[in-house]
Amino acid sequence: MTRKPTRGELKKRTRKVRKDSFKSGSAEKELKESETKFRLLAESTLSFITITRGDKVLFANPSWETISGYSREEILKVKYSEMVHPDMLEMVREQGLASLRGEKVPSRYELKILTKNRQVRWLDLSVVKFSYMGKPALLSSAFDITDRKRLENKIKKEKDEREQRVRQALRESEEKYMQLFNTVPAGIMLYDAETKKLLDGNKAALNLYGYSKEEFLNLTYWDITAEPEKSKETFQRVLSGEAKKIPLRYQKKKDGTVIPIEALVGSFRLNNRKVICGVSTDISEHRQAQEELEKANQELRNEIKNREQAEILLRAQNYLAMTLSAMSDLKKRLEICLTTALQISGMDSGGIYLVDAISPTLDLAVYMGLSPAFVKSVSHYGSASPLTKMVLTGKTIYSRYDELNLPKKPQNSQRGCGHLPPFRCVMRIGSSAV
């Protein structure tokens, strides 16, 4: 038999039931107050609040009605997925299911939705999982960021368009550079300022040095210069900005031919390294033309000089003819001839010999600017003298003494020995020679 509770136990049980009943009433009251506060907050806030479970909307506040364009009754009937933009539908489904499974998912992200009239709106959405009516649900709160996204998209579009214009301008600039680079008739080379390795060369440079592009890019500057020591000094001046133009430098072609070039040089930074740019022009034809011009100028100067000399000689001849015809003294006539000859030749000393064709002997008749000792040593030449024999041939001779293959006279330290006339002029007059 079951034992009947005592009076005391019954009183105790009665107190417990009353106490539990009081607590239950308080809990219900607190729950009602909490729900009332939530609704007041949800209906008064500007943020968009929804409670969803799966694809069904369980609650939506007035702000959500405003942004979505649906009434409350329509919201509770329409599927949540119908309000999500198709671009983001798959992402929202996966995150919702993962959250309900208890997996960790982002609690905040940007969501693109479609309103009732199919306009696109952007939301900054925060989602938390909680228990609603005894079952798991998702509480979402969001703010409208459509204007911000439009501004961001506008900025991004402008940035993309600007970058596109820059890329297009860069492509056009590169095309123009390559057209200019490869059509300039002068050879253009780029090489590393430190290693002197060739980095690029245009078609004119390849043709100038005789290399293919692949061969050219395996060279250094030292492979094409014929003057390495001068080039080392020039590099320092180029890098310091002192040298901009090199009027003449000799360089080597692939076949070993050395050519003169004129170069314009400069340095700049490219891809974080110092680069030297050289524009080389082959001046072989120019230098040949210069040499030919200089030769022609020299010939012209010589012709002018010869003409002037001829005019001087002609005037001297006329002077001598007029002067000598009025004189009978042979010595004076010879002195006038010698003076005139020295003036014309620009020499400061000389003499005239008389030749006795019968003896035959050669005697110094008149002289100027010669020392007595020198005059004594050259005043007479006998018939066996090579000089006498040369004079007796009767030919006019213009030559340096040391070119006549005659015996050399001993050097004399007295004044006048150093003034031996470099030219001799011998003329026959009747039975004597002057």
Protein backbone atom coordinates (compact mmCIF):
# COMPACT_ATOMS: atom_id res chain seq x y z
CA MET A 1 0.00 0.00 0.00
CA THR A 2 1.09 3.51 -0.77
CA ARG A 3 1.82 5.56 2.25
CA LYS A 4 -0.38 8.62 2.63
CA PRO A 5 1.55 11.86 2.94
CA THR A 6 1.52 13.45 6.27
CA ARG A 7 -0.10 16.73 6.92
CA GLY A 8 3.26 18.44 7.06
CA GLU A 9 4.30 16.98 3.72
CA LEU A 10 1.07 18.15 2.11
CA LYS A 11 1.60 21.65 3.39
CA LYS A 12 5.16 21.60 1.99
CA ARG A 13 3.98 20.39 -1.42
CA THR A 14 1.28 23.03 -1.47
CA ARG A 15 3.82 25.79 -0.80
CA LYS A 16 6.09 24.47 -3.61
CA VAL A 17 3.22 24.38 -6.15
CA ARG A 18 2.26 27.93 -5.23
CA LYS A 19 5.89 29.02 -5.54
CA ASP A 20 6.35 27.37 -8.97
CA SER A 21 3.08 28.84 -10.15
CA PHE A 22 4.30 32.29 -9.11
CA LYS A 23 7.60 31.82 -10.91
CA SER A 24 5.84 30.63 -14.05
CA GLY A 25 3.64 33.65 -14.01
CA SER A 26 6.64 35.93 -13.58
CA ALA A 27 8.47 34.23 -16.45
CA GLU A 28 5.49 34.61 -18.73
CA LYS A 29 5.22 38.20 -17.71
CA GLU A 30 8.94 38.80 -18.38
CA LEU A 31 8.65 37.04 -21.73
CA LYS A 32 5.71 39.17 -22.70
CA GLU A 33 7.61 42.29 -21.63
CA SER A 34 10.65 41.18 -23.61
CA GLU A 35 8.57 40.53 -26.72
CA THR A 36 6.90 43.89 -26.30
CA LYS A 37 10.25 45.64 -26.04
CA PHE A 38 11.57 43.80 -29.13
CA ARG A 39 8.54 44.77 -31.17
CA LEU A 40 8.74 48.38 -30.02
CA LEU A 41 12.43 48.47 -30.92
CA ALA A 42 11.96 46.65 -34.22
CA GLU A 43 9.04 48.81 -35.29
CA SER A 44 10.65 52.11 -34.30
CA THR A 45 14.19 51.58 -35.61
CA LEU A 46 15.31 52.66 -39.07
CA SER A 47 17.25 49.43 -39.55
CA PHE A 48 15.58 46.57 -41.42
CA ILE A 49 14.84 43.64 -39.15
CA THR A 50 13.62 40.18 -40.17
CA ILE A 51 13.30 36.76 -38.57
CA THR A 52 13.60 33.87 -41.00
CA ARG A 53 13.67 30.12 -40.82
CA GLY A 54 14.80 28.50 -44.02
CA ASP A 55 13.07 30.28 -46.93
CA LYS A 56 10.17 31.58 -44.83
CA VAL A 57 9.93 35.05 -43.33
CA LEU A 58 8.49 34.85 -39.80
CA PHE A 59 8.77 38.54 -38.95
CA ALA A 60 9.60 41.82 -40.72
CA ASN A 61 9.52 45.30 -39.24
CA PRO A 62 8.00 48.37 -40.96
CA SER A 63 11.40 49.53 -42.23
CA TRP A 64 11.75 46.27 -44.14
CA GLU A 65 8.27 46.85 -45.61
CA THR A 66 9.41 50.30 -46.73
CA ILE A 67 12.60 49.20 -48.45
CA SER A 68 11.19 46.01 -49.97
CA GLY A 69 7.93 47.52 -51.18
CA TYR A 70 5.96 44.57 -49.81
CA SER A 71 3.20 44.86 -47.20
CA ARG A 72 3.55 42.83 -43.96
CA GLU A 73 1.02 40.31 -45.18
CA GLU A 74 2.87 39.93 -48.51
CA ILE A 75 6.20 39.57 -46.77
CA LEU A 76 4.88 36.67 -44.64
CA LYS A 77 3.68 34.93 -47.80
CA VAL A 78 6.55 35.59 -50.21
CA LYS A 79 9.65 33.44 -50.07
CA TYR A 80 12.77 35.09 -48.68
CA SER A 81 14.76 33.87 -51.68
CA GLU A 82 12.48 35.84 -54.02
CA MET A 83 13.69 39.06 -52.40
CA VAL A 84 17.39 38.17 -52.76
CA HIS A 85 19.14 39.19 -55.99
CA PRO A 86 19.91 36.15 -58.19
CA ASP A 87 23.62 37.02 -58.14
CA MET A 88 23.74 36.39 -54.38
CA LEU A 89 21.04 33.76 -53.91
CA GLU A 90 23.35 30.76 -53.77
CA MET A 91 25.64 32.45 -51.25
CA VAL A 92 22.72 33.37 -48.97
CA ARG A 93 21.28 29.84 -49.06
CA GLU A 94 24.61 28.22 -48.23
CA GLN A 95 25.30 30.60 -45.37
CA GLY A 96 21.77 30.21 -43.97
CA LEU A 97 21.90 26.42 -43.98
CA ALA A 98 25.40 26.39 -42.58
CA SER A 99 24.35 28.68 -39.74
CA LEU A 100 21.40 26.50 -38.84
CA ARG A 101 23.76 23.47 -38.82
CA GLY A 102 25.86 25.30 -36.27
CA GLU A 103 28.76 25.97 -38.63
CA LYS A 104 30.73 29.18 -38.39
CA VAL A 105 29.73 31.70 -41.06
CA PRO A 106 30.31 35.44 -41.48
CA SER A 107 27.94 37.33 -39.20
CA ARG A 108 28.08 40.45 -41.37
CA TYR A 109 28.16 40.91 -45.14
CA GLU A 110 26.74 43.01 -47.94
CA LEU A 111 23.54 41.74 -49.55
CA LYS A 112 21.94 42.76 -52.82
CA ILE A 113 18.11 42.44 -52.87
CA LEU A 114 15.28 43.03 -55.31
CA THR A 115 12.29 45.14 -54.26
CA LYS A 116 8.70 44.35 -55.21
CA ASN A 117 9.06 46.52 -58.34
CA ARG A 118 12.40 44.75 -59.11
CA GLN A 119 14.70 47.60 -58.19
CA VAL A 120 18.16 46.72 -56.84
CA ARG A 121 18.99 47.73 -53.28
CA TRP A 122 22.16 47.07 -51.26
CA LEU A 123 22.09 46.21 -47.54
CA ASP A 124 24.77 46.01 -44.87
CA LEU A 125 23.44 42.86 -43.16
CA SER A 126 24.20 41.36 -39.72
CA VAL A 127 22.83 37.87 -38.88
CA VAL A 128 22.64 35.93 -35.61
CA LYS A 129 21.18 32.53 -34.83
CA PHE A 130 18.66 32.23 -31.98
CA SER A 131 15.65 30.19 -30.83
CA TYR A 132 12.31 31.50 -31.95
CA MET A 133 9.13 29.77 -30.79
CA GLY A 134 11.18 26.83 -29.69
CA LYS A 135 12.98 26.35 -33.01
CA PRO A 136 16.22 27.68 -34.53
CA ALA A 137 15.82 30.85 -36.58
CA LEU A 138 17.93 33.69 -37.98
CA LEU A 139 17.61 37.29 -36.79
CA SER A 140 18.81 39.79 -39.39
CA SER A 141 19.31 43.52 -39.07
CA ALA A 142 20.42 45.70 -41.96
CA PHE A 143 21.05 49.25 -43.17
CA ASP A 144 20.49 50.61 -46.67
CA ILE A 145 23.88 51.25 -48.32
CA THR A 146 22.59 51.62 -51.86
CA ASP A 147 23.81 55.20 -52.24
CA ARG A 148 27.23 54.26 -50.92
CA LYS A 149 27.46 51.29 -53.29
CA ARG A 150 26.39 53.44 -56.21
CA LEU A 151 29.08 55.95 -55.32
CA GLU A 152 31.62 53.14 -54.93
CA ASN A 153 30.57 51.66 -58.26
CA LYS A 154 30.78 55.08 -59.87
CA ILE A 155 34.25 55.64 -58.43
CA LYS A 156 35.30 52.14 -59.48
CA LYS A 157 33.90 52.67 -62.97
CA GLU A 158 35.70 56.01 -63.29
CA LYS A 159 38.89 54.40 -61.97
CA ASP A 160 38.55 51.51 -64.41
CA GLU A 161 37.88 53.91 -67.28
CA ARG A 162 40.85 56.05 -66.23
CA GLU A 163 43.09 53.00 -66.00
CA GLN A 164 41.80 51.87 -69.38
CA ARG A 165 42.62 55.27 -70.86
CA VAL A 166 46.07 55.15 -69.26
CA ARG A 167 46.67 51.64 -70.59
CA GLN A 168 45.50 52.72 -74.03
CA ALA A 169 47.70 55.81 -73.93
CA LEU A 170 50.60 53.66 -72.75
CA ARG A 171 50.05 51.20 -75.60
CA GLU A 172 49.89 54.05 -78.10
CA SER A 173 53.00 55.61 -76.56
CA GLU A 174 54.85 52.30 -76.75
CA GLU A 175 53.76 51.86 -80.37
CA LYS A 176 54.96 55.36 -81.22
CA TYR A 177 58.21 54.69 -79.35
CA MET A 178 58.81 51.45 -81.24
CA GLN A 179 57.98 53.11 -84.58
CA LEU A 180 60.37 55.95 -83.79
CA PHE A 181 62.94 53.55 -82.33
CA ASN A 182 63.02 51.38 -85.44
CA THR A 183 62.65 54.06 -88.12
CA VAL A 184 65.33 56.49 -86.93
CA PRO A 185 68.27 56.14 -89.37
CA ALA A 186 70.83 56.47 -86.55
CA GLY A 187 71.75 53.44 -84.41
CA ILE A 188 70.14 53.57 -80.96
CA MET A 189 71.50 51.38 -78.16
CA LEU A 190 70.49 50.92 -74.53
CA TYR A 191 72.96 49.34 -72.14
CA ASP A 192 73.28 48.84 -68.40
CA ALA A 193 75.36 51.62 -66.85
CA GLU A 194 76.99 49.22 -64.39
CA THR A 195 77.58 46.01 -66.39
CA LYS A 196 77.64 47.70 -69.84
CA LYS A 197 75.45 44.83 -71.14
CA LEU A 198 73.43 45.78 -74.20
CA LEU A 199 69.72 45.84 -73.38
CA ASP A 200 68.22 46.87 -76.71
CA GLY A 201 69.10 48.14 -80.14
CA ASN A 202 67.07 49.37 -83.07
CA LYS A 203 67.25 48.10 -86.66
CA ALA A 204 69.72 50.82 -87.64
CA ALA A 205 72.09 49.72 -84.85
CA LEU A 206 71.86 46.07 -85.94
CA ASN A 207 72.60 47.07 -89.54
CA LEU A 208 75.42 49.39 -88.48
CA TYR A 209 77.28 46.70 -86.52
CA GLY A 210 76.18 43.69 -88.59
CA TYR A 211 74.54 41.62 -85.82
CA SER A 212 71.19 39.88 -85.47
CA LYS A 213 68.98 40.99 -82.60
CA GLU A 214 69.74 37.83 -80.62
CA GLU A 215 73.49 38.21 -81.13
CA PHE A 216 73.36 41.91 -80.27
CA LEU A 217 71.63 41.33 -76.93
CA ASN A 218 74.36 38.87 -75.89
CA LEU A 219 77.05 41.56 -76.24
CA THR A 220 78.42 44.22 -73.93
CA TYR A 221 79.65 47.65 -74.95
CA TRP A 222 83.23 46.37 -74.74
CA ASP A 223 82.51 44.03 -77.67
CA ILE A 224 81.87 46.93 -80.05
CA THR A 225 84.31 49.61 -78.93
CA ALA A 226 87.73 49.90 -80.56
CA GLU A 227 88.89 52.37 -77.88
CA PRO A 228 88.20 50.77 -74.46
CA GLU A 229 90.44 53.12 -72.48
CA LYS A 230 88.89 56.26 -73.93
CA SER A 231 85.42 54.74 -73.45
CA LYS A 232 86.05 54.14 -69.72
CA GLU A 233 86.85 57.83 -69.24
CA THR A 234 83.85 58.85 -71.34
CA PHE A 235 81.44 56.73 -69.26
CA GLN A 236 82.29 58.71 -66.14
CA ARG A 237 81.57 61.98 -67.93
CA VAL A 238 78.29 60.61 -69.33
CA LEU A 239 77.01 59.41 -65.94
CA SER A 240 77.91 62.75 -64.33
CA GLY A 241 76.01 64.58 -67.09
CA GLU A 242 79.15 66.33 -68.31
CA ALA A 243 79.25 64.64 -71.73
CA LYS A 244 76.24 64.83 -74.05
CA LYS A 245 77.95 64.55 -77.42
CA ILE A 246 80.99 62.54 -78.49
CA PRO A 247 82.18 63.96 -81.83
CA LEU A 248 84.45 61.01 -82.69
CA ARG A 249 84.85 57.48 -81.41
CA TYR A 250 86.04 54.35 -83.22
CA GLN A 251 83.94 51.19 -82.92
CA LYS A 252 84.03 47.64 -84.31
CA LYS A 253 81.57 45.85 -86.55
CA LYS A 254 80.92 42.11 -86.38
CA ASP A 255 83.38 41.49 -89.24
CA GLY A 256 86.12 43.42 -87.42
CA THR A 257 85.85 46.58 -89.53
CA VAL A 258 86.62 49.69 -87.49
CA ILE A 259 84.35 52.65 -88.23
CA PRO A 260 84.31 56.24 -86.96
CA ILE A 261 81.06 57.24 -85.28
CA GLU A 262 79.56 60.37 -83.75
CA ALA A 263 77.38 59.75 -80.68
CA LEU A 264 74.77 61.55 -78.62
CA VAL A 265 74.56 60.04 -75.12
CA GLY A 266 72.52 60.35 -71.96
CA SER A 267 71.50 58.32 -68.90
CA PHE A 268 68.22 57.67 -67.09
CA ARG A 269 66.59 55.13 -64.76
CA LEU A 270 64.61 52.22 -66.21
CA ASN A 271 63.13 49.40 -64.12
CA ASN A 272 65.13 50.46 -61.05
CA ARG A 273 68.51 50.51 -62.79
CA LYS A 274 70.69 53.12 -64.43
CA VAL A 275 70.64 52.90 -68.21
CA ILE A 276 72.77 54.67 -70.82
CA CYS A 277 71.28 55.53 -74.20
CA GLY A 278 73.61 56.10 -77.14
CA VAL A 279 72.61 57.35 -80.59
CA SER A 280 75.43 56.49 -83.02
CA THR A 281 75.95 57.74 -86.57
CA ASP A 282 78.54 56.33 -88.97
CA ILE A 283 80.60 59.32 -90.15
CA SER A 284 82.93 57.42 -92.50
CA GLU A 285 81.55 59.17 -95.59
CA HIS A 286 81.50 62.50 -93.77
CA ARG A 287 85.14 62.17 -92.74
CA GLN A 288 86.11 61.09 -96.26
CA ALA A 289 84.29 64.12 -97.65
CA GLN A 290 86.10 66.31 -95.10
CA GLU A 291 89.46 64.89 -96.12
CA GLU A 292 88.66 65.42 -99.80
CA LEU A 293 87.53 68.96 -99.06
CA GLU A 294 90.70 69.65 -97.08
CA LYS A 295 92.77 68.21 -99.93
CA ALA A 296 90.93 70.43 -102.42
CA ASN A 297 91.43 73.45 -100.15
CA GLN A 298 95.14 72.67 -99.85
CA GLU A 299 95.45 72.36 -103.61
CA LEU A 300 93.65 75.67 -103.96
CA ARG A 301 95.97 77.28 -101.41
CA ASN A 302 98.97 75.86 -103.25
CA GLU A 303 97.63 77.15 -106.56
CA ILE A 304 97.06 80.58 -105.08
CA LYS A 305 100.53 80.51 -103.57
CA ASN A 306 102.05 79.43 -106.89
CA ARG A 307 100.18 82.16 -108.72
CA GLU A 308 101.36 84.72 -106.19
CA GLN A 309 104.91 83.39 -106.52
CA ALA A 310 104.63 83.55 -110.30
CA GLU A 311 103.44 87.14 -110.10
CA ILE A 312 106.35 87.99 -107.79
CA LEU A 313 108.81 86.31 -110.16
CA LEU A 314 107.31 88.10 -113.13
CA ARG A 315 107.65 91.46 -111.39
CA ALA A 316 111.21 90.57 -110.36
CA GLN A 317 112.04 89.55 -113.91
CA ASN A 318 110.74 92.85 -115.24
CA TYR A 319 112.65 94.72 -112.55
CA LEU A 320 115.88 92.87 -113.30
CA ALA A 321 115.48 93.36 -117.05
CA MET A 322 115.02 97.10 -116.68
CA THR A 323 117.74 97.48 -114.04
CA LEU A 324 120.41 95.23 -115.56
CA SER A 325 119.99 96.67 -119.04
CA ALA A 326 121.13 100.05 -117.71
CA MET A 327 124.23 98.67 -115.95
CA SER A 328 127.59 97.49 -117.33
CA ASP A 329 129.37 96.45 -114.09
CA LEU A 330 129.05 92.64 -113.86
CA LYS A 331 129.58 92.43 -110.11
CA LYS A 332 126.88 95.03 -109.40
CA ARG A 333 124.55 93.23 -111.78
CA LEU A 334 125.22 89.96 -109.91
CA GLU A 335 124.64 91.63 -106.54
CA ILE A 336 121.25 92.93 -107.73
CA CYS A 337 120.37 89.41 -108.97
CA LEU A 338 121.37 87.88 -105.62
CA THR A 339 119.49 90.48 -103.57
CA THR A 340 116.34 89.93 -105.64
CA ALA A 341 116.62 86.13 -105.37
CA LEU A 342 116.99 86.26 -101.58
CA GLN A 343 113.99 88.57 -101.24
CA ILE A 344 111.83 86.29 -103.38
CA SER A 345 112.91 83.07 -101.61
CA GLY A 346 112.79 84.51 -98.10
CA MET A 347 116.30 83.28 -97.34
CA ASP A 348 118.86 85.35 -95.43
CA SER A 349 122.07 84.26 -97.15
CA GLY A 350 123.36 82.97 -100.48
CA GLY A 351 125.82 83.43 -103.28
CA ILE A 352 126.35 83.34 -107.05
CA TYR A 353 129.14 81.38 -108.76
CA LEU A 354 130.79 82.12 -112.11
CA VAL A 355 131.76 79.12 -114.23
CA ASP A 356 134.71 79.18 -116.57
CA ALA A 357 133.66 76.72 -119.24
CA ILE A 358 137.23 76.41 -120.59
CA SER A 359 139.10 75.53 -117.37
CA PRO A 360 136.51 74.47 -116.21
CA THR A 361 136.27 75.92 -112.66
CA LEU A 362 133.54 77.31 -110.39
CA ASP A 363 134.26 80.52 -108.42
CA LEU A 364 132.05 82.38 -105.91
CA ALA A 365 131.51 85.83 -107.46
CA VAL A 366 129.18 87.54 -104.97
CA TYR A 367 127.59 86.49 -101.68
CA MET A 368 125.50 87.83 -98.77
CA GLY A 369 125.04 86.72 -95.16
CA LEU A 370 127.90 84.19 -95.19
CA SER A 371 130.75 84.14 -92.67
CA PRO A 372 134.34 84.62 -93.96
CA ALA A 373 135.33 81.10 -92.92
CA PHE A 374 132.40 79.59 -94.77
CA VAL A 375 133.10 81.75 -97.86
CA LYS A 376 136.72 80.55 -97.82
CA SER A 377 135.64 76.89 -97.74
CA VAL A 378 133.20 77.19 -100.67
CA SER A 379 134.70 79.99 -102.79
CA HIS A 380 136.29 77.74 -105.44
CA TYR A 381 135.51 74.36 -106.99
CA GLY A 382 137.91 72.75 -109.46
CA SER A 383 137.13 70.88 -112.65
CA ALA A 384 137.02 67.53 -110.79
CA SER A 385 134.37 68.76 -108.37
CA PRO A 386 130.96 67.02 -108.74
CA LEU A 387 129.33 70.41 -108.32
CA THR A 388 131.30 71.83 -111.26
CA LYS A 389 130.39 68.86 -113.41
CA MET A 390 126.72 69.22 -112.48
CA VAL A 391 126.75 72.92 -113.41
CA LEU A 392 128.44 72.24 -116.75
CA THR A 393 125.46 70.11 -117.85
CA GLY A 394 123.76 73.44 -118.58
CA LYS A 395 120.46 72.53 -116.91
CA THR A 396 118.58 74.78 -114.51
CA ILE A 397 118.38 72.99 -111.17
CA TYR A 398 116.07 73.74 -108.26
CA SER A 399 116.88 71.49 -105.32
CA ARG A 400 118.09 71.26 -101.75
CA TYR A 401 121.85 70.82 -101.45
CA ASP A 402 121.43 67.64 -99.43
CA GLU A 403 119.28 66.18 -102.23
CA LEU A 404 121.97 66.57 -104.94
CA ASN A 405 124.07 63.55 -103.86
CA LEU A 406 127.14 65.82 -103.51
CA PRO A 407 129.92 65.40 -100.91
CA LYS A 408 128.92 66.85 -97.56
CA LYS A 409 130.80 69.92 -96.40
CA PRO A 410 132.26 69.71 -92.89
CA GLN A 411 130.21 71.54 -90.28
CA ASN A 412 131.66 74.89 -89.27
CA SER A 413 130.70 76.47 -85.99
CA GLN A 414 131.32 80.00 -87.28
CA ARG A 415 128.37 82.24 -87.96
CA GLY A 416 127.04 81.85 -91.47
CA CYS A 417 127.56 78.11 -91.80
CA GLY A 418 124.04 77.47 -90.61
CA HIS A 419 122.63 79.67 -93.33
CA LEU A 420 123.53 77.56 -96.35
CA PRO A 421 120.84 78.29 -98.95
CA PRO A 422 118.45 75.33 -99.16
CA PHE A 423 117.98 75.91 -102.91
CA ARG A 424 120.47 76.46 -105.73
CA CYS A 425 119.57 78.06 -109.05
CA VAL A 426 122.17 77.76 -111.84
CA MET A 427 121.64 79.56 -115.16
CA ARG A 428 123.93 79.62 -118.21
CA ILE A 429 124.68 83.03 -119.72
CA GLY A 430 126.92 82.89 -122.78
CA SER A 431 130.27 81.29 -122.04
CA SER A 432 129.80 81.75 -118.29
CA ALA A 433 127.20 80.43 -115.89
CA VAL A 434 125.40 82.36 -113.21
